[in-house]
Amino acid sequence: MLRPEDAWEISDITAFLIAMSERLCAKCGEGERLSALSPEERTTYAVDAFQREVSNGGFEQYDSSGALAGELLDALRALGI
């Protein structure tokens, strides 16, 4: 798993975002152990999971799982969106 201090060595923004997404997914067992994440990581994970699901299969795919819908709303509020 990528160490947080190593992430800052990644200069390509896309590679950085992918690496951080993979780190959070690994840390929380693909969402099975959200309690393993800090509040900031949960916010990031919820928004990232939404982006991944919508990019992969559209809003229908995200809506069919809906597992993080409450988390997503809290995350978006925390971000001021």
N, C-alpha and C. Protein backbone atom coordinates (compact mmCIF):
# COMPACT_ATOMS: atom_id res chain seq x y z
N MET A 1 0.85 -1.18 0.00
CA MET A 1 0.00 0.00 0.00
C MET A 1 0.90 1.24 0.00
N LEU A 2 0.48 2.22 -0.75
CA LEU A 2 1.21 3.48 -0.85
C LEU A 2 1.22 4.18 0.51
N ARG A 3 2.40 4.58 0.92
CA ARG A 3 2.51 5.36 2.15
C ARG A 3 2.17 6.81 1.82
N PRO A 4 1.44 7.50 2.71
CA PRO A 4 1.04 8.89 2.42
C PRO A 4 2.22 9.78 2.06
N GLU A 5 3.34 9.60 2.73
CA GLU A 5 4.50 10.45 2.44
C GLU A 5 5.07 10.20 1.05
N ASP A 6 4.84 9.01 0.50
CA ASP A 6 5.33 8.70 -0.85
C ASP A 6 4.43 9.30 -1.93
N ALA A 7 3.18 9.55 -1.57
CA ALA A 7 2.25 10.11 -2.56
C ALA A 7 2.71 11.46 -3.09
N TRP A 8 3.36 12.23 -2.24
CA TRP A 8 3.79 13.58 -2.64
C TRP A 8 4.91 13.54 -3.66
N GLU A 9 5.49 12.36 -3.89
CA GLU A 9 6.54 12.21 -4.90
C GLU A 9 5.96 12.02 -6.30
N ILE A 10 4.66 11.77 -6.39
CA ILE A 10 4.01 11.53 -7.68
C ILE A 10 3.67 12.88 -8.31
N SER A 11 4.27 13.17 -9.45
CA SER A 11 4.08 14.49 -10.07
C SER A 11 2.88 14.53 -11.02
N ASP A 12 2.50 13.41 -11.59
CA ASP A 12 1.37 13.37 -12.52
C ASP A 12 0.07 13.34 -11.71
N ILE A 13 -0.82 14.29 -11.93
CA ILE A 13 -2.03 14.41 -11.13
C ILE A 13 -2.92 13.18 -11.25
N THR A 14 -3.04 12.62 -12.45
CA THR A 14 -3.87 11.43 -12.63
C THR A 14 -3.28 10.25 -11.87
N ALA A 15 -1.98 10.06 -11.97
CA ALA A 15 -1.32 8.97 -11.24
C ALA A 15 -1.46 9.17 -9.74
N PHE A 16 -1.38 10.40 -9.29
CA PHE A 16 -1.54 10.71 -7.87
C PHE A 16 -2.94 10.33 -7.39
N LEU A 17 -3.96 10.75 -8.14
CA LEU A 17 -5.34 10.46 -7.75
C LEU A 17 -5.63 8.97 -7.75
N ILE A 18 -5.11 8.26 -8.74
CA ILE A 18 -5.29 6.80 -8.79
C ILE A 18 -4.61 6.14 -7.60
N ALA A 19 -3.39 6.56 -7.31
CA ALA A 19 -2.66 5.97 -6.18
C ALA A 19 -3.38 6.22 -4.86
N MET A 20 -3.89 7.42 -4.67
CA MET A 20 -4.60 7.72 -3.43
C MET A 20 -5.92 6.95 -3.35
N SER A 21 -6.61 6.81 -4.46
CA SER A 21 -7.84 6.04 -4.50
C SER A 21 -7.57 4.58 -4.13
N GLU A 22 -6.52 4.02 -4.71
CA GLU A 22 -6.16 2.64 -4.40
C GLU A 22 -5.79 2.48 -2.93
N ARG A 23 -5.10 3.48 -2.38
CA ARG A 23 -4.71 3.42 -0.96
C ARG A 23 -5.94 3.40 -0.08
N LEU A 24 -6.89 4.28 -0.35
CA LEU A 24 -8.10 4.33 0.48
C LEU A 24 -8.92 3.06 0.33
N CYS A 25 -9.03 2.55 -0.88
CA CYS A 25 -9.78 1.31 -1.11
C CYS A 25 -9.16 0.15 -0.33
N ALA A 26 -7.85 0.08 -0.35
CA ALA A 26 -7.15 -0.99 0.38
C ALA A 26 -7.33 -0.82 1.88
N LYS A 27 -7.23 0.41 2.35
CA LYS A 27 -7.30 0.67 3.79
C LYS A 27 -8.66 0.29 4.36
N CYS A 28 -9.73 0.51 3.59
CA CYS A 28 -11.08 0.23 4.11
C CYS A 28 -11.71 -1.01 3.50
N GLY A 29 -10.90 -1.84 2.84
CA GLY A 29 -11.44 -3.08 2.28
C GLY A 29 -12.54 -2.85 1.26
N GLU A 30 -12.29 -1.92 0.36
CA GLU A 30 -13.26 -1.57 -0.69
C GLU A 30 -14.61 -1.13 -0.11
N GLY A 31 -14.55 -0.45 1.02
CA GLY A 31 -15.77 0.09 1.62
C GLY A 31 -16.38 -0.80 2.69
N GLU A 32 -15.82 -1.98 2.92
CA GLU A 32 -16.35 -2.89 3.93
C GLU A 32 -16.02 -2.45 5.35
N ARG A 33 -14.94 -1.67 5.51
CA ARG A 33 -14.52 -1.22 6.84
C ARG A 33 -14.31 0.30 6.83
N LEU A 34 -15.37 1.03 6.59
CA LEU A 34 -15.27 2.49 6.55
C LEU A 34 -14.78 3.06 7.86
N SER A 35 -15.00 2.34 8.95
CA SER A 35 -14.56 2.83 10.25
C SER A 35 -13.04 2.90 10.34
N ALA A 36 -12.32 2.24 9.42
CA ALA A 36 -10.86 2.29 9.40
C ALA A 36 -10.34 3.62 8.85
N LEU A 37 -11.24 4.41 8.26
CA LEU A 37 -10.84 5.69 7.65
C LEU A 37 -11.08 6.85 8.60
N SER A 38 -10.23 7.84 8.50
CA SER A 38 -10.44 9.08 9.25
C SER A 38 -11.63 9.81 8.61
N PRO A 39 -12.21 10.80 9.28
CA PRO A 39 -13.31 11.56 8.67
C PRO A 39 -12.93 12.16 7.31
N GLU A 40 -11.72 12.66 7.20
CA GLU A 40 -11.28 13.25 5.92
C GLU A 40 -11.14 12.18 4.84
N GLU A 41 -10.64 11.01 5.24
CA GLU A 41 -10.51 9.91 4.27
C GLU A 41 -11.89 9.40 3.85
N ARG A 42 -12.83 9.36 4.79
CA ARG A 42 -14.20 8.93 4.45
C ARG A 42 -14.83 9.89 3.44
N THR A 43 -14.61 11.18 3.63
CA THR A 43 -15.12 12.17 2.68
C THR A 43 -14.53 11.92 1.31
N THR A 44 -13.23 11.75 1.25
CA THR A 44 -12.54 11.51 -0.01
C THR A 44 -13.01 10.20 -0.63
N TYR A 45 -13.12 9.15 0.18
CA TYR A 45 -13.54 7.85 -0.33
C TYR A 45 -14.95 7.91 -0.91
N ALA A 46 -15.87 8.57 -0.23
CA ALA A 46 -17.26 8.65 -0.71
C ALA A 46 -17.35 9.36 -2.05
N VAL A 47 -16.64 10.46 -2.20
CA VAL A 47 -16.66 11.20 -3.47
C VAL A 47 -15.96 10.40 -4.56
N ASP A 48 -14.85 9.77 -4.22
CA ASP A 48 -14.11 8.95 -5.18
C ASP A 48 -14.95 7.76 -5.63
N ALA A 49 -15.62 7.09 -4.70
CA ALA A 49 -16.46 5.94 -5.05
C ALA A 49 -17.59 6.37 -5.99
N PHE A 50 -18.19 7.52 -5.70
CA PHE A 50 -19.23 8.05 -6.58
C PHE A 50 -18.69 8.29 -7.98
N GLN A 51 -17.54 8.93 -8.07
CA GLN A 51 -16.93 9.22 -9.37
C GLN A 51 -16.62 7.93 -10.12
N ARG A 52 -16.07 6.94 -9.43
CA ARG A 52 -15.73 5.67 -10.07
C ARG A 52 -16.97 4.96 -10.59
N GLU A 53 -18.02 4.89 -9.78
CA GLU A 53 -19.24 4.19 -10.18
C GLU A 53 -19.92 4.89 -11.37
N VAL A 54 -20.03 6.21 -11.30
CA VAL A 54 -20.69 6.95 -12.38
C VAL A 54 -19.85 6.87 -13.67
N SER A 55 -18.54 6.96 -13.54
CA SER A 55 -17.69 6.86 -14.73
C SER A 55 -17.74 5.47 -15.35
N ASN A 56 -17.92 4.46 -14.52
CA ASN A 56 -17.91 3.08 -15.00
C ASN A 56 -19.25 2.67 -15.60
N GLY A 57 -20.37 3.08 -14.98
CA GLY A 57 -21.65 2.60 -15.47
C GLY A 57 -22.76 3.62 -15.43
N GLY A 58 -22.42 4.88 -15.20
CA GLY A 58 -23.42 5.92 -15.17
C GLY A 58 -24.14 6.01 -13.84
N PHE A 59 -25.09 6.93 -13.75
CA PHE A 59 -25.82 7.13 -12.51
C PHE A 59 -26.64 5.90 -12.13
N GLU A 60 -27.06 5.14 -13.13
CA GLU A 60 -27.83 3.93 -12.84
C GLU A 60 -26.99 2.95 -12.04
N GLN A 61 -25.71 2.81 -12.39
CA GLN A 61 -24.85 1.89 -11.65
C GLN A 61 -24.67 2.37 -10.21
N TYR A 62 -24.45 3.66 -10.03
CA TYR A 62 -24.29 4.17 -8.67
C TYR A 62 -25.58 3.98 -7.89
N ASP A 63 -26.70 4.28 -8.51
CA ASP A 63 -27.99 4.17 -7.84
C ASP A 63 -28.31 2.73 -7.46
N SER A 64 -27.86 1.78 -8.27
CA SER A 64 -28.17 0.37 -7.97
C SER A 64 -27.44 -0.10 -6.73
N SER A 65 -26.26 0.45 -6.46
CA SER A 65 -25.55 0.05 -5.25
C SER A 65 -26.03 0.91 -4.09
N GLY A 66 -25.96 2.21 -4.24
CA GLY A 66 -26.45 3.15 -3.24
C GLY A 66 -25.88 3.00 -1.84
N ALA A 67 -24.89 2.15 -1.69
CA ALA A 67 -24.36 1.84 -0.37
C ALA A 67 -23.78 3.06 0.33
N LEU A 68 -23.24 3.98 -0.42
CA LEU A 68 -22.58 5.15 0.19
C LEU A 68 -23.38 6.44 -0.01
N ALA A 69 -24.65 6.32 -0.34
CA ALA A 69 -25.43 7.52 -0.65
C ALA A 69 -25.43 8.51 0.52
N GLY A 70 -25.65 8.03 1.73
CA GLY A 70 -25.63 8.92 2.89
C GLY A 70 -24.27 9.52 3.12
N GLU A 71 -23.24 8.68 2.97
CA GLU A 71 -21.86 9.16 3.10
C GLU A 71 -21.56 10.22 2.05
N LEU A 72 -22.05 10.01 0.83
CA LEU A 72 -21.79 10.97 -0.24
C LEU A 72 -22.43 12.32 0.08
N LEU A 73 -23.64 12.31 0.54
CA LEU A 73 -24.30 13.59 0.87
C LEU A 73 -23.53 14.33 1.96
N ASP A 74 -23.09 13.60 2.98
CA ASP A 74 -22.29 14.23 4.04
C ASP A 74 -20.98 14.77 3.49
N ALA A 75 -20.35 13.99 2.58
CA ALA A 75 -19.07 14.40 1.99
C ALA A 75 -19.26 15.66 1.16
N LEU A 76 -20.29 15.71 0.35
CA LEU A 76 -20.52 16.89 -0.49
C LEU A 76 -20.83 18.12 0.36
N ARG A 77 -21.56 17.93 1.43
CA ARG A 77 -21.82 19.05 2.35
C ARG A 77 -20.53 19.53 2.99
N ALA A 78 -19.68 18.58 3.39
CA ALA A 78 -18.40 18.94 4.01
C ALA A 78 -17.52 19.73 3.05
N LEU A 79 -17.66 19.45 1.76
CA LEU A 79 -16.89 20.15 0.74
C LEU A 79 -17.55 21.44 0.28
N GLY A 80 -18.76 21.69 0.79
CA GLY A 80 -19.46 22.91 0.42
C GLY A 80 -20.12 22.83 -0.94
N ILE A 81 -20.44 21.64 -1.38
CA ILE A 81 -21.05 21.45 -2.70
C ILE A 81 -22.54 21.18 -2.53
